[in-house]
Amino acid sequence: MFAQEIIRKEALQRNLSPRTIETYCFCVDKFLRFCCKELKYVTRRDIEEYLSRLVLWNKSSNTLNVHLNALKFLFEQCLKKRLTLKISFSKVPRTLPEFLTKEETAALLRSISNPKHRLMLQMLYGTGMRVSELLHLKVKDLDFNQNYGWVRQGKGRKDRLFVLPLHLKECLAEHIRTENLNRDSYLFVNSWKRPYSASSLRLILSRAAKQAGLVKNLHLHTLRHSFATHLIQNGYSVTEVQPLMGHNSINTTMIYLHLASPNLLNVQSPLDSLPEKIN
């Protein structure tokens, strides 16, 4: 518990997200249970042995890096002890995320009969929000007159603007009236007037995908990937899409150029437009 308190205090001062804090606490707790030592007696060799054991347990490179970062945060940032670890992990393979075509997206949304459930997935796709951002969205975060909304304290503890789909304005206004929500209410609440859980949304998506006959391995984040990919396909630039996604680096947004590449194949090479043939 002492280690977790140290991590929480330092992480809050550095404005780390609640999810990152919980992850670091979880990883450090696992390490201390394995090590069975008080913090002041932990050595570099103990950390290397633990990480090596994770490798033997066939943990993914992503998991290994998360544990390594958590331990480095504790010892280097919190306890001011420098770690020189003699262990390296392979880089996480950069795979392209899966996304839905526009036709698949339409089929998915049409398959949902419950208006509230359909509206939630429409918002995920239509705004590109992360699931946690949608679940924490409040009525006062929407500006119907200006056709935009605000994600408050999103990833990285940042506020950002999102485009409010014109198609959903009337549906959202009706939803707010039907649910008798006030300005400070969460936009989507269950029958107990509490925010929906991510697990409930996953179940809604799973049922909708099955109903629509989609065979892709879908996640809620797939709707976010589809949002960005379809914007690129519609002719918007990466620099226009980046702030809507809340990406710090444009390199993160560039991946959607690869997903939208079939549309780019319609571009004619300048060689083919020369007035005279070379051969």
C-alpha atoms as a PDB file:
ATOM      1  CA  MET A   1       0.000   0.000   0.000  1.00  0.00           C
ATOM      2  CA  PHE A   2       2.922   2.336   0.758  1.00  0.00           C
ATOM      3  CA  ALA A   3       4.241   2.022  -2.800  1.00  0.00           C
ATOM      4  CA  GLN A   4       0.819   2.717  -4.280  1.00  0.00           C
ATOM      5  CA  GLU A   5       0.469   5.870  -2.162  1.00  0.00           C
ATOM      6  CA  ILE A   6       3.836   7.109  -3.424  1.00  0.00           C
ATOM      7  CA  ILE A   7       2.837   6.433  -7.023  1.00  0.00           C
ATOM      8  CA  ARG A   8      -0.547   8.152  -6.695  1.00  0.00           C
ATOM      9  CA  LYS A   9       0.958  11.257  -5.100  1.00  0.00           C
ATOM     10  CA  GLU A  10       3.711  11.646  -7.708  1.00  0.00           C
ATOM     11  CA  ALA A  11       1.414  10.759 -10.621  1.00  0.00           C
ATOM     12  CA  LEU A  12      -1.196  13.325  -9.584  1.00  0.00           C
ATOM     13  CA  GLN A  13       1.482  16.007  -9.400  1.00  0.00           C
ATOM     14  CA  ARG A  14       2.523  15.074 -12.943  1.00  0.00           C
ATOM     15  CA  ASN A  15      -1.119  15.132 -14.083  1.00  0.00           C
ATOM     16  CA  LEU A  16      -1.117  11.509 -15.250  1.00  0.00           C
ATOM     17  CA  SER A  17      -4.466  10.005 -16.183  1.00  0.00           C
ATOM     18  CA  PRO A  18      -6.413   7.895 -13.628  1.00  0.00           C
ATOM     19  CA  ARG A  19      -6.067   4.889 -15.931  1.00  0.00           C
ATOM     20  CA  THR A  20      -2.262   5.220 -16.039  1.00  0.00           C
ATOM     21  CA  ILE A  21      -2.120   5.573 -12.264  1.00  0.00           C
ATOM     22  CA  GLU A  22      -4.200   2.432 -11.737  1.00  0.00           C
ATOM     23  CA  THR A  23      -2.064   0.503 -14.226  1.00  0.00           C
ATOM     24  CA  TYR A  24       1.175   1.521 -12.523  1.00  0.00           C
ATOM     25  CA  CYS A  25      -0.212   0.594  -9.109  1.00  0.00           C
ATOM     26  CA  PHE A  26      -1.352  -2.790 -10.394  1.00  0.00           C
ATOM     27  CA  CYS A  27       2.042  -3.572 -11.974  1.00  0.00           C
ATOM     28  CA  VAL A  28       4.025  -2.521  -8.911  1.00  0.00           C
ATOM     29  CA  ASP A  29       1.740  -4.527  -6.630  1.00  0.00           C
ATOM     30  CA  LYS A  30       2.346  -7.641  -8.783  1.00  0.00           C
ATOM     31  CA  PHE A  31       6.096  -7.059  -8.610  1.00  0.00           C
ATOM     32  CA  LEU A  32       6.167  -6.628  -4.817  1.00  0.00           C
ATOM     33  CA  ARG A  33       4.104  -9.774  -4.331  1.00  0.00           C
ATOM     34  CA  PHE A  34       6.632 -11.655  -6.456  1.00  0.00           C
ATOM     35  CA  CYS A  35       9.657 -10.062  -4.802  1.00  0.00           C
ATOM     36  CA  CYS A  36       8.437 -10.371  -1.195  1.00  0.00           C
ATOM     37  CA  LYS A  37      10.688  -7.507  -0.057  1.00  0.00           C
ATOM     38  CA  GLU A  38      10.232  -4.076   1.388  1.00  0.00           C
ATOM     39  CA  LEU A  39      10.904  -1.278  -1.082  1.00  0.00           C
ATOM     40  CA  LYS A  40      14.168  -0.193   0.546  1.00  0.00           C
ATOM     41  CA  TYR A  41      15.616  -3.687   0.106  1.00  0.00           C
ATOM     42  CA  VAL A  42      14.680  -4.122  -3.572  1.00  0.00           C
ATOM     43  CA  THR A  43      17.679  -4.323  -5.910  1.00  0.00           C
ATOM     44  CA  ARG A  44      18.132  -3.958  -9.644  1.00  0.00           C
ATOM     45  CA  ARG A  45      18.678  -7.704  -9.811  1.00  0.00           C
ATOM     46  CA  ASP A  46      15.204  -8.281  -8.280  1.00  0.00           C
ATOM     47  CA  ILE A  47      13.613  -6.172 -11.008  1.00  0.00           C
ATOM     48  CA  GLU A  48      15.555  -7.910 -13.787  1.00  0.00           C
ATOM     49  CA  GLU A  49      14.602 -11.311 -12.389  1.00  0.00           C
ATOM     50  CA  TYR A  50      10.923 -10.327 -12.288  1.00  0.00           C
ATOM     51  CA  LEU A  51      10.918  -9.027 -15.855  1.00  0.00           C
ATOM     52  CA  SER A  52      12.770 -12.125 -17.034  1.00  0.00           C
ATOM     53  CA  ARG A  53      10.131 -14.260 -15.340  1.00  0.00           C
ATOM     54  CA  LEU A  54       7.415 -12.381 -17.238  1.00  0.00           C
ATOM     55  CA  VAL A  55       9.253 -13.282 -20.449  1.00  0.00           C
ATOM     56  CA  LEU A  56       9.257 -16.966 -19.418  1.00  0.00           C
ATOM     57  CA  TRP A  57       5.507 -16.681 -18.774  1.00  0.00           C
ATOM     58  CA  ASN A  58       5.114 -15.632 -22.427  1.00  0.00           C
ATOM     59  CA  LYS A  59       3.776 -12.183 -21.626  1.00  0.00           C
ATOM     60  CA  SER A  60       3.450  -9.924 -24.662  1.00  0.00           C
ATOM     61  CA  SER A  61       6.065  -7.291 -25.385  1.00  0.00           C
ATOM     62  CA  ASN A  62       3.430  -4.643 -24.710  1.00  0.00           C
ATOM     63  CA  THR A  63       2.759  -6.086 -21.235  1.00  0.00           C
ATOM     64  CA  LEU A  64       6.484  -6.278 -20.513  1.00  0.00           C
ATOM     65  CA  ASN A  65       6.973  -2.640 -21.465  1.00  0.00           C
ATOM     66  CA  VAL A  66       4.051  -1.536 -19.292  1.00  0.00           C
ATOM     67  CA  HIS A  67       5.520  -3.331 -16.253  1.00  0.00           C
ATOM     68  CA  LEU A  68       8.952  -1.895 -17.006  1.00  0.00           C
ATOM     69  CA  ASN A  69       7.577   1.647 -17.276  1.00  0.00           C
ATOM     70  CA  ALA A  70       5.658   1.242 -14.008  1.00  0.00           C
ATOM     71  CA  LEU A  71       8.746   0.077 -12.135  1.00  0.00           C
ATOM     72  CA  LYS A  72      10.907   2.809 -13.649  1.00  0.00           C
ATOM     73  CA  PHE A  73       8.315   5.383 -12.625  1.00  0.00           C
ATOM     74  CA  LEU A  74       8.324   4.118  -9.045  1.00  0.00           C
ATOM     75  CA  PHE A  75      12.066   3.866  -8.592  1.00  0.00           C
ATOM     76  CA  GLU A  76      13.330   6.672 -10.837  1.00  0.00           C
ATOM     77  CA  GLN A  77      10.592   9.294 -10.571  1.00  0.00           C
ATOM     78  CA  CYS A  78       9.178   8.599  -7.114  1.00  0.00           C
ATOM     79  CA  LEU A  79      12.161   7.230  -5.177  1.00  0.00           C
ATOM     80  CA  LYS A  80      14.863   9.021  -7.252  1.00  0.00           C
ATOM     81  CA  LYS A  81      16.868   5.825  -7.767  1.00  0.00           C
ATOM     82  CA  ARG A  82      18.498   5.375 -11.158  1.00  0.00           C
ATOM     83  CA  LEU A  83      17.890   2.006 -12.832  1.00  0.00           C
ATOM     84  CA  THR A  84      20.265   0.588 -15.429  1.00  0.00           C
ATOM     85  CA  LEU A  85      18.468  -2.554 -16.508  1.00  0.00           C
ATOM     86  CA  LYS A  86      20.208  -5.127 -18.661  1.00  0.00           C
ATOM     87  CA  ILE A  87      17.090  -6.437 -20.288  1.00  0.00           C
ATOM     88  CA  SER A  88      15.417  -5.440 -23.527  1.00  0.00           C
ATOM     89  CA  PHE A  89      12.170  -6.370 -25.171  1.00  0.00           C
ATOM     90  CA  SER A  90      11.222  -6.541 -28.803  1.00  0.00           C
ATOM     91  CA  LYS A  91       9.230  -3.625 -30.103  1.00  0.00           C
ATOM     92  CA  VAL A  92       5.482  -4.029 -30.215  1.00  0.00           C
ATOM     93  CA  PRO A  93       4.571  -4.990 -33.792  1.00  0.00           C
ATOM     94  CA  ARG A  94       2.886  -2.071 -35.551  1.00  0.00           C
ATOM     95  CA  THR A  95      -0.276  -3.585 -36.964  1.00  0.00           C
ATOM     96  CA  LEU A  96      -2.962  -1.662 -38.774  1.00  0.00           C
ATOM     97  CA  PRO A  97      -6.183  -1.357 -36.757  1.00  0.00           C
ATOM     98  CA  GLU A  98      -9.324  -2.892 -38.183  1.00  0.00           C
ATOM     99  CA  PHE A  99     -12.116  -0.630 -39.342  1.00  0.00           C
ATOM    100  CA  LEU A 100     -15.561  -0.921 -40.877  1.00  0.00           C
ATOM    101  CA  THR A 101     -16.436   0.119 -44.393  1.00  0.00           C
ATOM    102  CA  LYS A 102     -19.151   2.744 -44.729  1.00  0.00           C
ATOM    103  CA  GLU A 103     -21.602   0.045 -45.807  1.00  0.00           C
ATOM    104  CA  GLU A 104     -20.736  -2.128 -42.798  1.00  0.00           C
ATOM    105  CA  THR A 105     -21.085   0.857 -40.475  1.00  0.00           C
ATOM    106  CA  ALA A 106     -24.549   1.629 -41.835  1.00  0.00           C
ATOM    107  CA  ALA A 107     -25.589  -2.035 -41.507  1.00  0.00           C
ATOM    108  CA  LEU A 108     -24.322  -2.146 -37.919  1.00  0.00           C
ATOM    109  CA  LEU A 109     -26.242   0.956 -36.864  1.00  0.00           C
ATOM    110  CA  ARG A 110     -29.438  -0.101 -38.678  1.00  0.00           C
ATOM    111  CA  SER A 111     -29.451  -3.400 -36.802  1.00  0.00           C
ATOM    112  CA  ILE A 112     -29.967  -1.709 -33.406  1.00  0.00           C
ATOM    113  CA  SER A 113     -33.646  -1.308 -32.526  1.00  0.00           C
ATOM    114  CA  ASN A 114     -33.212   0.403 -29.139  1.00  0.00           C
ATOM    115  CA  PRO A 115     -32.998   4.184 -29.864  1.00  0.00           C
ATOM    116  CA  LYS A 116     -30.691   4.959 -26.930  1.00  0.00           C
ATOM    117  CA  HIS A 117     -28.327   2.108 -27.758  1.00  0.00           C
ATOM    118  CA  ARG A 118     -28.226   3.145 -31.396  1.00  0.00           C
ATOM    119  CA  LEU A 119     -27.595   6.775 -30.434  1.00  0.00           C
ATOM    120  CA  MET A 120     -24.617   5.837 -28.260  1.00  0.00           C
ATOM    121  CA  LEU A 121     -22.914   3.910 -31.056  1.00  0.00           C
ATOM    122  CA  GLN A 122     -23.793   6.651 -33.530  1.00  0.00           C
ATOM    123  CA  MET A 123     -22.046   9.128 -31.250  1.00  0.00           C
ATOM    124  CA  LEU A 124     -18.950   6.932 -30.980  1.00  0.00           C
ATOM    125  CA  TYR A 125     -18.716   6.678 -34.753  1.00  0.00           C
ATOM    126  CA  GLY A 126     -19.943  10.175 -35.592  1.00  0.00           C
ATOM    127  CA  THR A 127     -17.544  12.001 -33.257  1.00  0.00           C
ATOM    128  CA  GLY A 128     -14.549   9.654 -32.990  1.00  0.00           C
ATOM    129  CA  MET A 129     -14.673   9.783 -29.210  1.00  0.00           C
ATOM    130  CA  ARG A 130     -13.086   7.167 -27.016  1.00  0.00           C
ATOM    131  CA  VAL A 131     -15.494   5.038 -24.992  1.00  0.00           C
ATOM    132  CA  SER A 132     -14.504   6.616 -21.673  1.00  0.00           C
ATOM    133  CA  GLU A 133     -15.026  10.066 -23.170  1.00  0.00           C
ATOM    134  CA  LEU A 134     -18.541   9.229 -24.313  1.00  0.00           C
ATOM    135  CA  LEU A 135     -19.469   7.753 -20.934  1.00  0.00           C
ATOM    136  CA  HIS A 136     -18.338  10.939 -19.142  1.00  0.00           C
ATOM    137  CA  LEU A 137     -20.042  13.299 -21.578  1.00  0.00           C
ATOM    138  CA  LYS A 138     -22.550  15.655 -19.940  1.00  0.00           C
ATOM    139  CA  VAL A 139     -25.454  17.579 -21.408  1.00  0.00           C
ATOM    140  CA  LYS A 140     -23.682  20.898 -20.792  1.00  0.00           C
ATOM    141  CA  ASP A 141     -20.780  19.716 -22.978  1.00  0.00           C
ATOM    142  CA  LEU A 142     -22.988  19.993 -26.085  1.00  0.00           C
ATOM    143  CA  ASP A 143     -23.492  23.225 -28.003  1.00  0.00           C
ATOM    144  CA  PHE A 144     -26.366  22.680 -30.432  1.00  0.00           C
ATOM    145  CA  ASN A 145     -26.204  26.242 -31.770  1.00  0.00           C
ATOM    146  CA  GLN A 146     -22.560  25.956 -32.815  1.00  0.00           C
ATOM    147  CA  ASN A 147     -22.755  22.243 -33.760  1.00  0.00           C
ATOM    148  CA  TYR A 148     -19.890  21.114 -31.561  1.00  0.00           C
ATOM    149  CA  GLY A 149     -19.207  19.586 -28.173  1.00  0.00           C
ATOM    150  CA  TRP A 150     -16.396  19.318 -25.663  1.00  0.00           C
ATOM    151  CA  VAL A 151     -14.543  16.280 -24.407  1.00  0.00           C
ATOM    152  CA  ARG A 152     -13.561  17.257 -20.899  1.00  0.00           C
ATOM    153  CA  GLN A 153     -10.342  15.875 -19.431  1.00  0.00           C
ATOM    154  CA  GLY A 154      -9.817  13.271 -22.140  1.00  0.00           C
ATOM    155  CA  LYS A 155      -6.644  11.264 -22.635  1.00  0.00           C
ATOM    156  CA  GLY A 156      -3.690  13.232 -21.295  1.00  0.00           C
ATOM    157  CA  ARG A 157      -6.093  15.273 -19.125  1.00  0.00           C
ATOM    158  CA  LYS A 158      -6.863  17.548 -22.077  1.00  0.00           C
ATOM    159  CA  ASP A 159     -10.086  19.201 -23.212  1.00  0.00           C
ATOM    160  CA  ARG A 160     -10.812  19.056 -26.924  1.00  0.00           C
ATOM    161  CA  LEU A 161     -13.513  19.993 -29.368  1.00  0.00           C
ATOM    162  CA  PHE A 162     -15.545  17.465 -31.349  1.00  0.00           C
ATOM    163  CA  VAL A 163     -17.881  17.973 -34.274  1.00  0.00           C
ATOM    164  CA  LEU A 164     -21.523  17.311 -33.441  1.00  0.00           C
ATOM    165  CA  PRO A 165     -23.128  15.345 -36.299  1.00  0.00           C
ATOM    166  CA  LEU A 166     -25.997  17.366 -37.757  1.00  0.00           C
ATOM    167  CA  HIS A 167     -27.828  14.091 -38.295  1.00  0.00           C
ATOM    168  CA  LEU A 168     -27.969  13.538 -34.521  1.00  0.00           C
ATOM    169  CA  LYS A 169     -28.968  16.983 -33.248  1.00  0.00           C
ATOM    170  CA  GLU A 170     -32.704  16.273 -33.227  1.00  0.00           C
ATOM    171  CA  CYS A 171     -32.184  12.758 -31.807  1.00  0.00           C
ATOM    172  CA  LEU A 172     -29.992  14.096 -29.002  1.00  0.00           C
ATOM    173  CA  ALA A 173     -32.457  16.867 -28.136  1.00  0.00           C
ATOM    174  CA  GLU A 174     -35.300  14.335 -28.013  1.00  0.00           C
ATOM    175  CA  HIS A 175     -33.162  11.986 -25.915  1.00  0.00           C
ATOM    176  CA  ILE A 176     -32.456  14.750 -23.382  1.00  0.00           C
ATOM    177  CA  ARG A 177     -36.179  15.590 -23.133  1.00  0.00           C
ATOM    178  CA  THR A 178     -37.278  11.948 -22.871  1.00  0.00           C
ATOM    179  CA  GLU A 179     -34.707  11.130 -20.192  1.00  0.00           C
ATOM    180  CA  ASN A 180     -35.525  14.378 -18.333  1.00  0.00           C
ATOM    181  CA  LEU A 181     -31.843  15.302 -18.123  1.00  0.00           C
ATOM    182  CA  ASN A 182     -30.509  18.602 -16.812  1.00  0.00           C
ATOM    183  CA  ARG A 183     -27.332  20.443 -17.799  1.00  0.00           C
ATOM    184  CA  ASP A 184     -25.199  18.642 -15.223  1.00  0.00           C
ATOM    185  CA  SER A 185     -26.556  15.179 -16.070  1.00  0.00           C
ATOM    186  CA  TYR A 186     -24.472  12.590 -17.848  1.00  0.00           C
ATOM    187  CA  LEU A 187     -25.766  12.306 -21.393  1.00  0.00           C
ATOM    188  CA  PHE A 188     -26.216   8.539 -21.289  1.00  0.00           C
ATOM    189  CA  VAL A 189     -27.451   6.978 -18.058  1.00  0.00           C
ATOM    190  CA  ASN A 190     -28.944   3.596 -17.216  1.00  0.00           C
ATOM    191  CA  SER A 191     -32.222   2.930 -15.436  1.00  0.00           C
ATOM    192  CA  TRP A 192     -30.541   3.764 -12.103  1.00  0.00           C
ATOM    193  CA  LYS A 193     -29.502   7.179 -13.480  1.00  0.00           C
ATOM    194  CA  ARG A 194     -25.850   6.187 -13.468  1.00  0.00           C
ATOM    195  CA  PRO A 195     -23.474   6.405 -16.448  1.00  0.00           C
ATOM    196  CA  TYR A 196     -23.401   3.359 -18.694  1.00  0.00           C
ATOM    197  CA  SER A 197     -20.479   1.003 -18.233  1.00  0.00           C
ATOM    198  CA  ALA A 198     -18.053   0.071 -20.993  1.00  0.00           C
ATOM    199  CA  SER A 199     -19.067  -3.574 -20.593  1.00  0.00           C
ATOM    200  CA  SER A 200     -22.706  -2.672 -21.326  1.00  0.00           C
ATOM    201  CA  LEU A 201     -21.633  -0.868 -24.488  1.00  0.00           C
ATOM    202  CA  ARG A 202     -19.505  -3.819 -25.568  1.00  0.00           C
ATOM    203  CA  LEU A 203     -22.517  -6.090 -25.203  1.00  0.00           C
ATOM    204  CA  ILE A 204     -24.629  -3.705 -27.314  1.00  0.00           C
ATOM    205  CA  LEU A 205     -21.951  -3.721 -30.034  1.00  0.00           C
ATOM    206  CA  SER A 206     -21.578  -7.487 -29.957  1.00  0.00           C
ATOM    207  CA  ARG A 207     -25.308  -8.054 -30.400  1.00  0.00           C
ATOM    208  CA  ALA A 208     -25.522  -5.462 -33.161  1.00  0.00           C
ATOM    209  CA  ALA A 209     -22.599  -6.989 -35.066  1.00  0.00           C
ATOM    210  CA  LYS A 210     -24.175 -10.418 -34.869  1.00  0.00           C
ATOM    211  CA  GLN A 211     -27.533  -9.055 -35.987  1.00  0.00           C
ATOM    212  CA  ALA A 212     -25.879  -7.278 -38.933  1.00  0.00           C
ATOM    213  CA  GLY A 213     -23.992 -10.421 -39.940  1.00  0.00           C
ATOM    214  CA  LEU A 214     -20.558  -8.837 -39.562  1.00  0.00           C
ATOM    215  CA  VAL A 215     -17.701 -11.307 -39.182  1.00  0.00           C
ATOM    216  CA  LYS A 216     -14.930  -8.852 -38.322  1.00  0.00           C
ATOM    217  CA  ASN A 217     -13.464  -8.878 -34.818  1.00  0.00           C
ATOM    218  CA  LEU A 218     -15.102  -5.665 -33.633  1.00  0.00           C
ATOM    219  CA  HIS A 219     -14.310  -3.545 -30.614  1.00  0.00           C
ATOM    220  CA  LEU A 220     -15.824  -0.252 -29.534  1.00  0.00           C
ATOM    221  CA  HIS A 221     -12.563   1.399 -30.570  1.00  0.00           C
ATOM    222  CA  THR A 222     -13.209   0.087 -34.096  1.00  0.00           C
ATOM    223  CA  LEU A 223     -15.831   2.822 -34.469  1.00  0.00           C
ATOM    224  CA  ARG A 224     -13.184   5.430 -33.650  1.00  0.00           C
ATOM    225  CA  HIS A 225     -10.835   3.924 -36.244  1.00  0.00           C
ATOM    226  CA  SER A 226     -13.690   3.940 -38.761  1.00  0.00           C
ATOM    227  CA  PHE A 227     -14.431   7.605 -38.018  1.00  0.00           C
ATOM    228  CA  ALA A 228     -10.860   8.685 -38.813  1.00  0.00           C
ATOM    229  CA  THR A 229     -10.507   6.414 -41.850  1.00  0.00           C
ATOM    230  CA  HIS A 230     -13.757   7.619 -43.401  1.00  0.00           C
ATOM    231  CA  LEU A 231     -12.748  11.264 -42.863  1.00  0.00           C
ATOM    232  CA  ILE A 232      -9.533  10.602 -44.810  1.00  0.00           C
ATOM    233  CA  GLN A 233     -11.519   8.802 -47.505  1.00  0.00           C
ATOM    234  CA  ASN A 234     -13.867  11.801 -47.692  1.00  0.00           C
ATOM    235  CA  GLY A 235     -10.933  14.022 -48.598  1.00  0.00           C
ATOM    236  CA  TYR A 236      -9.988  15.593 -45.256  1.00  0.00           C
ATOM    237  CA  SER A 237      -6.284  15.995 -44.546  1.00  0.00           C
ATOM    238  CA  VAL A 238      -4.357  14.334 -41.745  1.00  0.00           C
ATOM    239  CA  THR A 239      -3.800  17.736 -40.126  1.00  0.00           C
ATOM    240  CA  GLU A 240      -7.568  18.280 -40.046  1.00  0.00           C
ATOM    241  CA  VAL A 241      -8.237  14.844 -38.540  1.00  0.00           C
ATOM    242  CA  GLN A 242      -5.480  15.005 -35.886  1.00  0.00           C
ATOM    243  CA  PRO A 243      -7.151  17.493 -33.480  1.00  0.00           C
ATOM    244  CA  LEU A 244     -10.496  15.687 -33.803  1.00  0.00           C
ATOM    245  CA  MET A 245      -8.792  12.482 -32.653  1.00  0.00           C
ATOM    246  CA  GLY A 246      -6.935  14.219 -29.832  1.00  0.00           C
ATOM    247  CA  HIS A 247      -3.541  12.918 -31.013  1.00  0.00           C
ATOM    248  CA  ASN A 248      -0.414  14.651 -29.701  1.00  0.00           C
ATOM    249  CA  SER A 249       1.642  13.529 -32.676  1.00  0.00           C
ATOM    250  CA  ILE A 250       0.587  13.645 -36.304  1.00  0.00           C
ATOM    251  CA  ASN A 251       2.458  10.357 -36.771  1.00  0.00           C
ATOM    252  CA  THR A 252      -0.302   8.641 -34.795  1.00  0.00           C
ATOM    253  CA  THR A 253      -2.916  10.028 -37.169  1.00  0.00           C
ATOM    254  CA  MET A 254      -0.861   9.081 -40.242  1.00  0.00           C
ATOM    255  CA  ILE A 255      -1.799   5.426 -39.760  1.00  0.00           C
ATOM    256  CA  TYR A 256      -5.260   6.219 -41.114  1.00  0.00           C
ATOM    257  CA  LEU A 257      -3.700   7.138 -44.444  1.00  0.00           C
ATOM    258  CA  HIS A 258      -2.733   3.473 -44.747  1.00  0.00           C
ATOM    259  CA  LEU A 259      -6.250   2.344 -43.901  1.00  0.00           C
ATOM    260  CA  ALA A 260      -7.695   4.701 -46.505  1.00  0.00           C
ATOM    261  CA  SER A 261      -5.077   3.761 -49.126  1.00  0.00           C
ATOM    262  CA  PRO A 262      -7.506   2.072 -51.584  1.00  0.00           C
ATOM    263  CA  ASN A 263      -8.985   5.516 -52.256  1.00  0.00           C
ATOM    264  CA  LEU A 264      -5.501   6.927 -52.787  1.00  0.00           C
ATOM    265  CA  LEU A 265      -4.926   4.412 -55.583  1.00  0.00           C
ATOM    266  CA  ASN A 266      -7.254   6.509 -57.731  1.00  0.00           C
ATOM    267  CA  VAL A 267      -4.575   9.199 -57.831  1.00  0.00           C
ATOM    268  CA  GLN A 268      -2.844   9.355 -61.195  1.00  0.00           C
ATOM    269  CA  SER A 269       0.947   9.303 -61.319  1.00  0.00           C
ATOM    270  CA  PRO A 270       2.422  12.477 -62.839  1.00  0.00           C
ATOM    271  CA  LEU A 271       4.368  10.259 -65.240  1.00  0.00           C
ATOM    272  CA  ASP A 272       1.081   9.232 -66.845  1.00  0.00           C
ATOM    273  CA  SER A 273       0.100  12.855 -67.425  1.00  0.00           C
ATOM    274  CA  LEU A 274       3.163  13.873 -69.464  1.00  0.00           C
ATOM    275  CA  PRO A 275       2.195  15.256 -72.883  1.00  0.00           C
ATOM    276  CA  GLU A 276       4.452  12.790 -74.723  1.00  0.00           C
ATOM    277  CA  LYS A 277       5.103   9.130 -74.064  1.00  0.00           C
ATOM    278  CA  ILE A 278       8.642   8.288 -72.965  1.00  0.00           C
ATOM    279  CA  ASN A 279       8.729   4.804 -74.497  1.00  0.00           C
END
